[in-house]
All heavy atoms as atom14 arrays in JSON, in Angstrom:
{
  "sequence": "IREILRLEKELKSGMYRERKPKFFTVTEPKTREIMSIAFRDRIYQRS",
  "atom14_mask": [
    [1, 1, 1, 1, 1, 1, 1, 1, 0, 0, 0, 0, 0, 0],
    [1, 1, 1, 1, 1, 1, 1, 1, 1, 1, 1, 0, 0, 0],
    [1, 1, 1, 1, 1, 1, 1, 1, 1, 0, 0, 0, 0, 0],
    [1, 1, 1, 1, 1, 1, 1, 1, 0, 0, 0, 0, 0, 0],
    [1, 1, 1, 1, 1, 1, 1, 1, 0, 0, 0, 0, 0, 0],
    [1, 1, 1, 1, 1, 1, 1, 1, 1, 1, 1, 0, 0, 0],
    [1, 1, 1, 1, 1, 1, 1, 1, 0, 0, 0, 0, 0, 0],
    [1, 1, 1, 1, 1, 1, 1, 1, 1, 0, 0, 0, 0, 0],
    [1, 1, 1, 1, 1, 1, 1, 1, 1, 0, 0, 0, 0, 0],
    [1, 1, 1, 1, 1, 1, 1, 1, 1, 0, 0, 0, 0, 0],
    [1, 1, 1, 1, 1, 1, 1, 1, 0, 0, 0, 0, 0, 0],
    [1, 1, 1, 1, 1, 1, 1, 1, 1, 0, 0, 0, 0, 0],
    [1, 1, 1, 1, 1, 1, 0, 0, 0, 0, 0, 0, 0, 0],
    [1, 1, 1, 1, 0, 0, 0, 0, 0, 0, 0, 0, 0, 0],
    [1, 1, 1, 1, 1, 1, 1, 1, 0, 0, 0, 0, 0, 0],
    [1, 1, 1, 1, 1, 1, 1, 1, 1, 1, 1, 1, 0, 0],
    [1, 1, 1, 1, 1, 1, 1, 1, 1, 1, 1, 0, 0, 0],
    [1, 1, 1, 1, 1, 1, 1, 1, 1, 0, 0, 0, 0, 0],
    [1, 1, 1, 1, 1, 1, 1, 1, 1, 1, 1, 0, 0, 0],
    [1, 1, 1, 1, 1, 1, 1, 1, 1, 0, 0, 0, 0, 0],
    [1, 1, 1, 1, 1, 1, 1, 0, 0, 0, 0, 0, 0, 0],
    [1, 1, 1, 1, 1, 1, 1, 1, 1, 0, 0, 0, 0, 0],
    [1, 1, 1, 1, 1, 1, 1, 1, 1, 1, 1, 0, 0, 0],
    [1, 1, 1, 1, 1, 1, 1, 1, 1, 1, 1, 0, 0, 0],
    [1, 1, 1, 1, 1, 1, 1, 0, 0, 0, 0, 0, 0, 0],
    [1, 1, 1, 1, 1, 1, 1, 0, 0, 0, 0, 0, 0, 0],
    [1, 1, 1, 1, 1, 1, 1, 0, 0, 0, 0, 0, 0, 0],
    [1, 1, 1, 1, 1, 1, 1, 1, 1, 0, 0, 0, 0, 0],
    [1, 1, 1, 1, 1, 1, 1, 0, 0, 0, 0, 0, 0, 0],
    [1, 1, 1, 1, 1, 1, 1, 1, 1, 0, 0, 0, 0, 0],
    [1, 1, 1, 1, 1, 1, 1, 0, 0, 0, 0, 0, 0, 0],
    [1, 1, 1, 1, 1, 1, 1, 1, 1, 1, 1, 0, 0, 0],
    [1, 1, 1, 1, 1, 1, 1, 1, 1, 0, 0, 0, 0, 0],
    [1, 1, 1, 1, 1, 1, 1, 1, 0, 0, 0, 0, 0, 0],
    [1, 1, 1, 1, 1, 1, 1, 1, 0, 0, 0, 0, 0, 0],
    [1, 1, 1, 1, 1, 1, 0, 0, 0, 0, 0, 0, 0, 0],
    [1, 1, 1, 1, 1, 1, 1, 1, 0, 0, 0, 0, 0, 0],
    [1, 1, 1, 1, 1, 0, 0, 0, 0, 0, 0, 0, 0, 0],
    [1, 1, 1, 1, 1, 1, 1, 1, 1, 1, 1, 0, 0, 0],
    [1, 1, 1, 1, 1, 1, 1, 1, 1, 1, 1, 0, 0, 0],
    [1, 1, 1, 1, 1, 1, 1, 1, 0, 0, 0, 0, 0, 0],
    [1, 1, 1, 1, 1, 1, 1, 1, 1, 1, 1, 0, 0, 0],
    [1, 1, 1, 1, 1, 1, 1, 1, 0, 0, 0, 0, 0, 0],
    [1, 1, 1, 1, 1, 1, 1, 1, 1, 1, 1, 1, 0, 0],
    [1, 1, 1, 1, 1, 1, 1, 1, 1, 0, 0, 0, 0, 0],
    [1, 1, 1, 1, 1, 1, 1, 1, 1, 1, 1, 0, 0, 0],
    [1, 1, 1, 1, 1, 1, 0, 0, 0, 0, 0, 0, 0, 0]
  ],
  "atom14_positions": [
    [[-12.26, -24.69, 13.9], [-12.52, -25.35, 12.62], [-11.26, -26.06, 12.12], [-11.28, -27.24, 11.75], [-13.03, -24.35, 11.56], [-14.38, -23.76, 12.0], [-13.15, -25.02, 10.19], [-14.93, -22.73, 11.04], [0.0, 0.0, 0.0], [0.0, 0.0, 0.0], [0.0, 0.0, 0.0], [0.0, 0.0, 0.0], [0.0, 0.0, 0.0], [0.0, 0.0, 0.0]],
    [[-10.14, -25.31, 12.14], [-8.88, -25.9, 11.69], [-8.45, -27.06, 12.56], [-8.02, -28.12, 12.07], [-7.8, -24.8, 11.68], [-6.43, -25.27, 11.16], [-5.39, -24.22, 11.37], [-5.14, -24.03, 12.81], [-4.42, -23.01, 13.29], [-3.93, -22.09, 12.49], [-4.22, -22.92, 14.6], [0.0, 0.0, 0.0], [0.0, 0.0, 0.0], [0.0, 0.0, 0.0]],
    [[-8.57, -26.9, 13.88], [-8.12, -27.93, 14.82], [-8.96, -29.2, 14.74], [-8.43, -30.31, 14.79], [-8.14, -27.37, 16.25], [-7.14, -26.26, 16.51], [-5.7, -26.74, 16.37], [-5.44, -27.92, 16.67], [-4.85, -25.94, 15.94], [0.0, 0.0, 0.0], [0.0, 0.0, 0.0], [0.0, 0.0, 0.0], [0.0, 0.0, 0.0], [0.0, 0.0, 0.0]],
    [[-10.28, -29.04, 14.59], [-11.13, -30.24, 14.5], [-10.92, -30.94, 13.17], [-10.93, -32.18, 13.11], [-12.61, -29.83, 14.69], [-12.86, -29.46, 16.15], [-13.54, -31.0, 14.32], [-14.27, -29.1, 16.49], [0.0, 0.0, 0.0], [0.0, 0.0, 0.0], [0.0, 0.0, 0.0], [0.0, 0.0, 0.0], [0.0, 0.0, 0.0], [0.0, 0.0, 0.0]],
    [[-10.74, -30.19, 12.09], [-10.46, -30.82, 10.8], [-9.16, -31.61, 10.86], [-9.05, -32.71, 10.31], [-10.38, -29.76, 9.7], [-11.72, -29.17, 9.23], [-11.47, -28.0, 8.29], [-12.55, -30.26, 8.54], [0.0, 0.0, 0.0], [0.0, 0.0, 0.0], [0.0, 0.0, 0.0], [0.0, 0.0, 0.0], [0.0, 0.0, 0.0], [0.0, 0.0, 0.0]],
    [[-8.15, -31.05, 11.55], [-6.86, -31.73, 11.69], [-7.03, -33.0, 12.52], [-6.49, -34.05, 12.19], [-5.85, -30.79, 12.35], [-4.49, -31.42, 12.57], [-3.59, -30.47, 13.34], [-3.36, -29.23, 12.6], [-2.71, -28.17, 13.09], [-2.25, -28.23, 14.33], [-2.55, -27.08, 12.37], [0.0, 0.0, 0.0], [0.0, 0.0, 0.0], [0.0, 0.0, 0.0]],
    [[-7.8, -32.91, 13.62], [-8.02, -34.08, 14.47], [-8.8, -35.15, 13.7], [-8.47, -36.35, 13.8], [-8.81, -33.65, 15.72], [-9.16, -34.74, 16.72], [-7.92, -35.44, 17.26], [-9.98, -34.17, 17.88], [0.0, 0.0, 0.0], [0.0, 0.0, 0.0], [0.0, 0.0, 0.0], [0.0, 0.0, 0.0], [0.0, 0.0, 0.0], [0.0, 0.0, 0.0]],
    [[-9.81, -34.75, 12.94], [-10.59, -35.72, 12.16], [-9.7, -36.42, 11.13], [-9.79, -37.65, 10.96], [-11.72, -34.98, 11.46], [-12.58, -35.9, 10.59], [-13.55, -35.1, 9.72], [-13.3, -33.91, 9.46], [-14.57, -35.7, 9.28], [0.0, 0.0, 0.0], [0.0, 0.0, 0.0], [0.0, 0.0, 0.0], [0.0, 0.0, 0.0], [0.0, 0.0, 0.0]],
    [[-8.84, -35.66, 10.47], [-7.94, -36.24, 9.47], [-7.0, -37.26, 10.09], [-6.77, -38.35, 9.53], [-7.17, -35.12, 8.78], [-6.27, -35.59, 7.65], [-5.55, -34.43, 7.0], [-4.61, -34.91, 5.89], [-3.89, -33.77, 5.25], [0.0, 0.0, 0.0], [0.0, 0.0, 0.0], [0.0, 0.0, 0.0], [0.0, 0.0, 0.0], [0.0, 0.0, 0.0]],
    [[-6.44, -36.94, 11.26], [-5.52, -37.86, 11.93], [-6.23, -39.14, 12.36], [-5.69, -40.24, 12.22], [-4.91, -37.17, 13.15], [-3.94, -36.05, 12.8], [-3.37, -35.4, 14.05], [-3.6, -35.94, 15.16], [-2.69, -34.36, 13.93], [0.0, 0.0, 0.0], [0.0, 0.0, 0.0], [0.0, 0.0, 0.0], [0.0, 0.0, 0.0], [0.0, 0.0, 0.0]],
    [[-7.45, -39.01, 12.86], [-8.18, -40.18, 13.32], [-8.57, -41.09, 12.16], [-8.48, -42.32, 12.27], [-9.45, -39.72, 14.07], [-9.22, -39.1, 15.45], [-10.48, -38.44, 15.96], [-8.74, -40.16, 16.44], [0.0, 0.0, 0.0], [0.0, 0.0, 0.0], [0.0, 0.0, 0.0], [0.0, 0.0, 0.0], [0.0, 0.0, 0.0], [0.0, 0.0, 0.0]],
    [[-8.98, -40.53, 11.06], [-9.41, -41.34, 9.92], [-8.25, -41.95, 9.17], [-8.4, -43.03, 8.57], [-10.27, -40.47, 8.97], [-11.62, -40.11, 9.54], [-12.46, -39.33, 8.54], [-13.86, -39.06, 9.1], [-14.7, -38.28, 8.14], [0.0, 0.0, 0.0], [0.0, 0.0, 0.0], [0.0, 0.0, 0.0], [0.0, 0.0, 0.0], [0.0, 0.0, 0.0]],
    [[-7.09, -41.28, 9.19], [-5.93, -41.81, 8.48], [-5.09, -42.78, 9.33], [-4.16, -43.4, 8.81], [-5.05, -40.65, 8.0], [-4.53, -39.94, 9.11], [0.0, 0.0, 0.0], [0.0, 0.0, 0.0], [0.0, 0.0, 0.0], [0.0, 0.0, 0.0], [0.0, 0.0, 0.0], [0.0, 0.0, 0.0], [0.0, 0.0, 0.0], [0.0, 0.0, 0.0]],
    [[-5.42, -42.86, 10.6], [-4.65, -43.74, 11.49], [-3.37, -43.11, 12.0], [-2.53, -43.78, 12.62], [0.0, 0.0, 0.0], [0.0, 0.0, 0.0], [0.0, 0.0, 0.0], [0.0, 0.0, 0.0], [0.0, 0.0, 0.0], [0.0, 0.0, 0.0], [0.0, 0.0, 0.0], [0.0, 0.0, 0.0], [0.0, 0.0, 0.0], [0.0, 0.0, 0.0]],
    [[-3.2, -41.79, 11.79], [-2.0, -41.1, 12.21], [-2.15, -40.45, 13.59], [-1.22, -39.82, 14.09], [-1.63, -40.02, 11.18], [-1.32, -40.56, 9.8], [0.11, -41.65, 9.79], [1.41, -40.48, 10.16], [0.0, 0.0, 0.0], [0.0, 0.0, 0.0], [0.0, 0.0, 0.0], [0.0, 0.0, 0.0], [0.0, 0.0, 0.0], [0.0, 0.0, 0.0]],
    [[-3.3, -40.62, 14.2], [-3.56, -39.98, 15.49], [-2.7, -40.6, 16.58], [-2.59, -41.82, 16.71], [-5.04, -40.13, 15.85], [-5.36, -39.71, 17.27], [-5.46, -38.38, 17.62], [-5.54, -40.68, 18.26], [-5.75, -37.99, 18.92], [-5.83, -40.31, 19.57], [-5.93, -38.97, 19.9], [-6.23, -38.6, 21.18], [0.0, 0.0, 0.0], [0.0, 0.0, 0.0]],
    [[-2.08, -39.74, 17.37], [-1.31, -40.16, 18.52], [-1.64, -39.24, 19.69], [-1.69, -38.02, 19.53], [0.21, -40.1, 18.25], [0.69, -41.03, 17.15], [0.57, -42.49, 17.58], [1.08, -43.39, 16.54], [0.37, -43.85, 15.52], [-0.9, -43.49, 15.39], [0.9, -44.65, 14.62], [0.0, 0.0, 0.0], [0.0, 0.0, 0.0], [0.0, 0.0, 0.0]],
    [[-1.88, -39.83, 20.85], [-2.19, -39.01, 22.03], [-0.95, -38.23, 22.46], [0.18, -38.73, 22.4], [-2.66, -39.88, 23.19], [-4.12, -40.26, 23.11], [-4.67, -40.67, 24.46], [-3.89, -40.7, 25.42], [-5.86, -40.96, 24.53], [0.0, 0.0, 0.0], [0.0, 0.0, 0.0], [0.0, 0.0, 0.0], [0.0, 0.0, 0.0], [0.0, 0.0, 0.0]],
    [[-1.19, -37.01, 22.89], [-0.11, -36.19, 23.41], [0.2, -36.58, 24.86], [-0.65, -37.12, 25.55], [-0.47, -34.71, 23.31], [-0.6, -34.26, 21.85], [-0.94, -32.81, 21.72], [-1.04, -32.42, 20.31], [-1.39, -31.22, 19.88], [-1.7, -30.27, 20.76], [-1.46, -30.95, 18.59], [0.0, 0.0, 0.0], [0.0, 0.0, 0.0], [0.0, 0.0, 0.0]],
    [[1.4, -36.26, 25.29], [1.83, -36.67, 26.62], [0.98, -35.99, 27.68], [0.85, -34.75, 27.69], [3.3, -36.32, 26.82], [3.9, -36.87, 28.09], [5.39, -36.56, 28.17], [6.0, -37.13, 29.45], [7.45, -36.85, 29.55], [0.0, 0.0, 0.0], [0.0, 0.0, 0.0], [0.0, 0.0, 0.0], [0.0, 0.0, 0.0], [0.0, 0.0, 0.0]],
    [[0.37, -36.75, 28.59], [-0.48, -36.13, 29.62], [0.36, -35.46, 30.71], [1.55, -35.73, 30.88], [-1.26, -37.31, 30.18], [-0.36, -38.48, 29.97], [0.4, -38.21, 28.69], [0.0, 0.0, 0.0], [0.0, 0.0, 0.0], [0.0, 0.0, 0.0], [0.0, 0.0, 0.0], [0.0, 0.0, 0.0], [0.0, 0.0, 0.0], [0.0, 0.0, 0.0]],
    [[-0.3, -34.59, 31.47], [0.33, -33.93, 32.61], [-0.25, -34.52, 33.9], [-1.4, -34.93, 33.93], [0.11, -32.43, 32.57], [0.72, -31.74, 31.36], [0.44, -30.26, 31.37], [1.06, -29.57, 30.15], [0.75, -28.12, 30.15], [0.0, 0.0, 0.0], [0.0, 0.0, 0.0], [0.0, 0.0, 0.0], [0.0, 0.0, 0.0], [0.0, 0.0, 0.0]],
    [[0.55, -34.52, 34.93], [0.12, -35.07, 36.23], [0.24, -34.01, 37.3], [1.22, -33.23, 37.31], [0.95, -36.3, 36.6], [0.75, -37.47, 35.67], [1.53, -37.62, 34.53], [-0.23, -38.43, 35.93], [1.35, -38.69, 33.68], [-0.4, -39.5, 35.1], [0.38, -39.63, 33.96], [0.0, 0.0, 0.0], [0.0, 0.0, 0.0], [0.0, 0.0, 0.0]],
    [[-0.74, -33.97, 38.18], [-0.68, -33.07, 39.32], [-1.34, -33.75, 40.51], [-2.08, -34.72, 40.36], [-1.37, -31.73, 39.02], [-2.83, -31.85, 38.65], [-3.81, -31.72, 39.64], [-3.22, -32.1, 37.35], [-5.16, -31.83, 39.3], [-4.56, -32.22, 37.02], [-5.53, -32.08, 37.99], [0.0, 0.0, 0.0], [0.0, 0.0, 0.0], [0.0, 0.0, 0.0]],
    [[-1.06, -33.24, 41.69], [-1.53, -33.86, 42.94], [-2.55, -32.94, 43.61], [-2.33, -31.73, 43.71], [-0.37, -34.11, 43.9], [0.59, -34.96, 43.27], [-0.85, -34.81, 45.17], [0.0, 0.0, 0.0], [0.0, 0.0, 0.0], [0.0, 0.0, 0.0], [0.0, 0.0, 0.0], [0.0, 0.0, 0.0], [0.0, 0.0, 0.0], [0.0, 0.0, 0.0]],
    [[-3.67, -33.52, 44.02], [-4.68, -32.8, 44.79], [-4.68, -33.35, 46.22], [-4.37, -34.52, 46.45], [-6.08, -32.92, 44.17], [-6.12, -32.28, 42.8], [-6.53, -34.38, 44.08], [0.0, 0.0, 0.0], [0.0, 0.0, 0.0], [0.0, 0.0, 0.0], [0.0, 0.0, 0.0], [0.0, 0.0, 0.0], [0.0, 0.0, 0.0], [0.0, 0.0, 0.0]],
    [[-5.0, -32.5, 47.17], [-4.98, -32.89, 48.58], [-6.37, -32.93, 49.19], [-6.53, -33.37, 50.33], [-4.1, -31.93, 49.39], [-4.59, -30.58, 49.22], [-2.66, -31.99, 48.92], [0.0, 0.0, 0.0], [0.0, 0.0, 0.0], [0.0, 0.0, 0.0], [0.0, 0.0, 0.0], [0.0, 0.0, 0.0], [0.0, 0.0, 0.0], [0.0, 0.0, 0.0]],
    [[-7.39, -32.45, 48.46], [-8.76, -32.44, 48.97], [-9.65, -33.28, 48.05], [-9.56, -33.13, 46.82], [-9.31, -31.01, 49.04], [-8.57, -30.12, 50.04], [-8.86, -30.46, 51.49], [-9.83, -31.23, 51.72], [-8.13, -30.01, 52.36], [0.0, 0.0, 0.0], [0.0, 0.0, 0.0], [0.0, 0.0, 0.0], [0.0, 0.0, 0.0], [0.0, 0.0, 0.0]],
    [[-10.51, -34.13, 48.54], [-10.69, -34.44, 49.97], [-9.6, -35.37, 50.51], [-9.51, -35.56, 51.7], [-12.05, -35.11, 49.98], [-12.19, -35.74, 48.66], [-11.49, -34.83, 47.69], [0.0, 0.0, 0.0], [0.0, 0.0, 0.0], [0.0, 0.0, 0.0], [0.0, 0.0, 0.0], [0.0, 0.0, 0.0], [0.0, 0.0, 0.0], [0.0, 0.0, 0.0]],
    [[-8.8, -35.97, 49.59], [-7.68, -36.78, 50.03], [-6.58, -36.65, 48.99], [-6.82, -36.26, 47.84], [-8.1, -38.26, 50.17], [-8.63, -38.88, 48.89], [-9.07, -40.32, 49.13], [-9.63, -40.94, 47.85], [-10.08, -42.34, 48.07], [0.0, 0.0, 0.0], [0.0, 0.0, 0.0], [0.0, 0.0, 0.0], [0.0, 0.0, 0.0], [0.0, 0.0, 0.0]],
    [[-5.36, -36.97, 49.38], [-4.22, -36.81, 48.49], [-4.23, -37.9, 47.42], [-4.29, -39.09, 47.73], [-2.91, -36.88, 49.29], [-2.91, -35.86, 50.3], [-1.71, -36.68, 48.37], [0.0, 0.0, 0.0], [0.0, 0.0, 0.0], [0.0, 0.0, 0.0], [0.0, 0.0, 0.0], [0.0, 0.0, 0.0], [0.0, 0.0, 0.0], [0.0, 0.0, 0.0]],
    [[-4.18, -37.47, 46.17], [-4.12, -38.42, 45.06], [-3.6, -37.73, 43.82], [-3.68, -36.5, 43.69], [-5.51, -39.02, 44.78], [-6.57, -37.98, 44.52], [-7.92, -38.63, 44.26], [-8.98, -37.65, 44.1], [-10.23, -37.92, 43.79], [-10.57, -39.18, 43.58], [-11.12, -36.98, 43.67], [0.0, 0.0, 0.0], [0.0, 0.0, 0.0], [0.0, 0.0, 0.0]],
    [[-3.05, -38.52, 42.91], [-2.48, -38.0, 41.67], [-3.55, -38.04, 40.56], [-4.2, -39.04, 40.37], [-1.27, -38.81, 41.25], [-0.52, -38.23, 40.07], [0.68, -39.07, 39.65], [0.48, -40.26, 39.36], [1.8, -38.53, 39.62], [0.0, 0.0, 0.0], [0.0, 0.0, 0.0], [0.0, 0.0, 0.0], [0.0, 0.0, 0.0], [0.0, 0.0, 0.0]],
    [[-3.68, -36.93, 39.86], [-4.67, -36.81, 38.8], [-3.95, -36.59, 37.46], [-2.99, -35.83, 37.39], [-5.65, -35.64, 39.05], [-6.39, -35.86, 40.37], [-6.64, -35.49, 37.91], [-7.3, -37.05, 40.39], [0.0, 0.0, 0.0], [0.0, 0.0, 0.0], [0.0, 0.0, 0.0], [0.0, 0.0, 0.0], [0.0, 0.0, 0.0], [0.0, 0.0, 0.0]],
    [[-4.43, -37.25, 36.43], [-3.87, -37.1, 35.1], [-4.71, -36.11, 34.28], [-5.94, -36.22, 34.25], [-3.82, -38.45, 34.38], [-3.2, -38.39, 33.0], [-3.22, -40.03, 32.18], [-4.96, -40.18, 31.81], [0.0, 0.0, 0.0], [0.0, 0.0, 0.0], [0.0, 0.0, 0.0], [0.0, 0.0, 0.0], [0.0, 0.0, 0.0], [0.0, 0.0, 0.0]],
    [[-4.05, -35.17, 33.65], [-4.74, -34.2, 32.78], [-4.29, -34.42, 31.35], [-3.1, -34.31, 31.02], [-4.39, -32.77, 33.23], [-4.98, -31.83, 32.36], [0.0, 0.0, 0.0], [0.0, 0.0, 0.0], [0.0, 0.0, 0.0], [0.0, 0.0, 0.0], [0.0, 0.0, 0.0], [0.0, 0.0, 0.0], [0.0, 0.0, 0.0], [0.0, 0.0, 0.0]],
    [[-5.26, -34.76, 30.48], [-4.92, -35.03, 29.07], [-5.13, -33.77, 28.25], [-5.83, -32.84, 28.65], [-5.77, -36.18, 28.51], [-7.27, -35.84, 28.59], [-5.49, -37.46, 29.27], [-8.15, -36.91, 27.99], [0.0, 0.0, 0.0], [0.0, 0.0, 0.0], [0.0, 0.0, 0.0], [0.0, 0.0, 0.0], [0.0, 0.0, 0.0], [0.0, 0.0, 0.0]],
    [[-4.5, -33.74, 27.08], [-4.62, -32.59, 26.17], [-6.07, -32.39, 25.77], [-6.83, -33.35, 25.68], [-3.73, -32.78, 24.95], [0.0, 0.0, 0.0], [0.0, 0.0, 0.0], [0.0, 0.0, 0.0], [0.0, 0.0, 0.0], [0.0, 0.0, 0.0], [0.0, 0.0, 0.0], [0.0, 0.0, 0.0], [0.0, 0.0, 0.0], [0.0, 0.0, 0.0]],
    [[-6.43, -31.14, 25.47], [-7.83, -30.82, 25.17], [-8.31, -31.56, 23.92], [-9.44, -32.05, 23.87], [-7.99, -29.32, 25.01], [-9.42, -28.88, 24.82], [-10.32, -28.99, 25.85], [-9.86, -28.39, 23.6], [-11.66, -28.61, 25.69], [-11.18, -28.02, 23.42], [-12.08, -28.12, 24.48], [0.0, 0.0, 0.0], [0.0, 0.0, 0.0], [0.0, 0.0, 0.0]],
    [[-7.47, -31.66, 22.91], [-7.86, -32.35, 21.67], [-8.1, -33.84, 21.94], [-9.03, -34.44, 21.37], [-6.79, -32.17, 20.6], [-5.47, -32.87, 20.92], [-4.35, -32.4, 20.04], [-4.59, -32.69, 18.64], [-4.27, -33.81, 18.01], [-3.67, -34.79, 18.68], [-4.49, -33.97, 16.73], [0.0, 0.0, 0.0], [0.0, 0.0, 0.0], [0.0, 0.0, 0.0]],
    [[-7.31, -34.43, 22.83], [-7.51, -35.83, 23.19], [-8.8, -36.01, 24.01], [-9.5, -37.0, 23.86], [-6.32, -36.35, 24.0], [-5.02, -36.28, 23.22], [-5.08, -36.39, 21.98], [-3.96, -36.11, 23.85], [0.0, 0.0, 0.0], [0.0, 0.0, 0.0], [0.0, 0.0, 0.0], [0.0, 0.0, 0.0], [0.0, 0.0, 0.0], [0.0, 0.0, 0.0]],
    [[-9.1, -35.01, 24.83], [-10.33, -35.06, 25.62], [-11.57, -35.03, 24.72], [-12.57, -35.68, 24.99], [-10.35, -33.9, 26.61], [-11.46, -34.01, 27.63], [-11.32, -32.91, 28.69], [-10.07, -33.02, 29.41], [-9.87, -33.84, 30.43], [-10.86, -34.64, 30.85], [-8.7, -33.88, 31.04], [0.0, 0.0, 0.0], [0.0, 0.0, 0.0], [0.0, 0.0, 0.0]],
    [[-11.48, -34.26, 23.65], [-12.6, -34.17, 22.7], [-12.87, -35.52, 22.05], [-14.01, -35.99, 21.96], [-12.3, -33.11, 21.61], [-12.32, -31.7, 22.23], [-13.3, -33.2, 20.47], [-11.88, -30.62, 21.29], [0.0, 0.0, 0.0], [0.0, 0.0, 0.0], [0.0, 0.0, 0.0], [0.0, 0.0, 0.0], [0.0, 0.0, 0.0], [0.0, 0.0, 0.0]],
    [[-11.81, -36.17, 21.59], [-11.95, -37.49, 20.97], [-12.5, -38.52, 21.96], [-13.43, -39.28, 21.64], [-10.59, -37.93, 20.42], [-10.51, -39.4, 20.05], [-11.46, -40.0, 19.25], [-9.46, -40.19, 20.55], [-11.38, -41.35, 18.93], [-9.37, -41.53, 20.23], [-10.34, -42.11, 19.44], [-10.25, -43.45, 19.13], [0.0, 0.0, 0.0], [0.0, 0.0, 0.0]],
    [[-11.95, -38.54, 23.16], [-12.41, -39.51, 24.16], [-13.84, -39.25, 24.58], [-14.61, -40.19, 24.82], [-11.47, -39.48, 25.36], [-10.06, -40.0, 25.07], [-9.2, -40.12, 26.3], [-9.71, -40.21, 27.42], [-7.88, -40.13, 26.11], [0.0, 0.0, 0.0], [0.0, 0.0, 0.0], [0.0, 0.0, 0.0], [0.0, 0.0, 0.0], [0.0, 0.0, 0.0]],
    [[-14.24, -37.98, 24.67], [-15.62, -37.66, 25.03], [-16.58, -38.12, 23.95], [-17.67, -38.65, 24.23], [-15.75, -36.14, 25.26], [-17.15, -35.66, 25.65], [-17.54, -36.2, 27.0], [-18.87, -35.78, 27.39], [-19.14, -34.73, 28.18], [-18.14, -33.98, 28.64], [-20.38, -34.44, 28.5], [0.0, 0.0, 0.0], [0.0, 0.0, 0.0], [0.0, 0.0, 0.0]],
    [[-16.19, -37.96, 22.7], [-17.02, -38.39, 21.59], [-17.16, -39.91, 21.59], [-18.27, -40.45, 21.4], [-16.43, -37.93, 20.26], [-17.22, -38.33, 19.17], [0.0, 0.0, 0.0], [0.0, 0.0, 0.0], [0.0, 0.0, 0.0], [0.0, 0.0, 0.0], [0.0, 0.0, 0.0], [0.0, 0.0, 0.0], [0.0, 0.0, 0.0], [0.0, 0.0, 0.0]]
  ]
}
């Protein structure tokens, strides 16, 4: 509840900034770099 209210407030006020993503490498089925974004950013992007 607290986290979503905070995210909503940032988005509506224009103060929202994405957090720095993390990168990791997978080797199956082929080697490639994958970006992992913060959970709060994933919620906004999914919406």
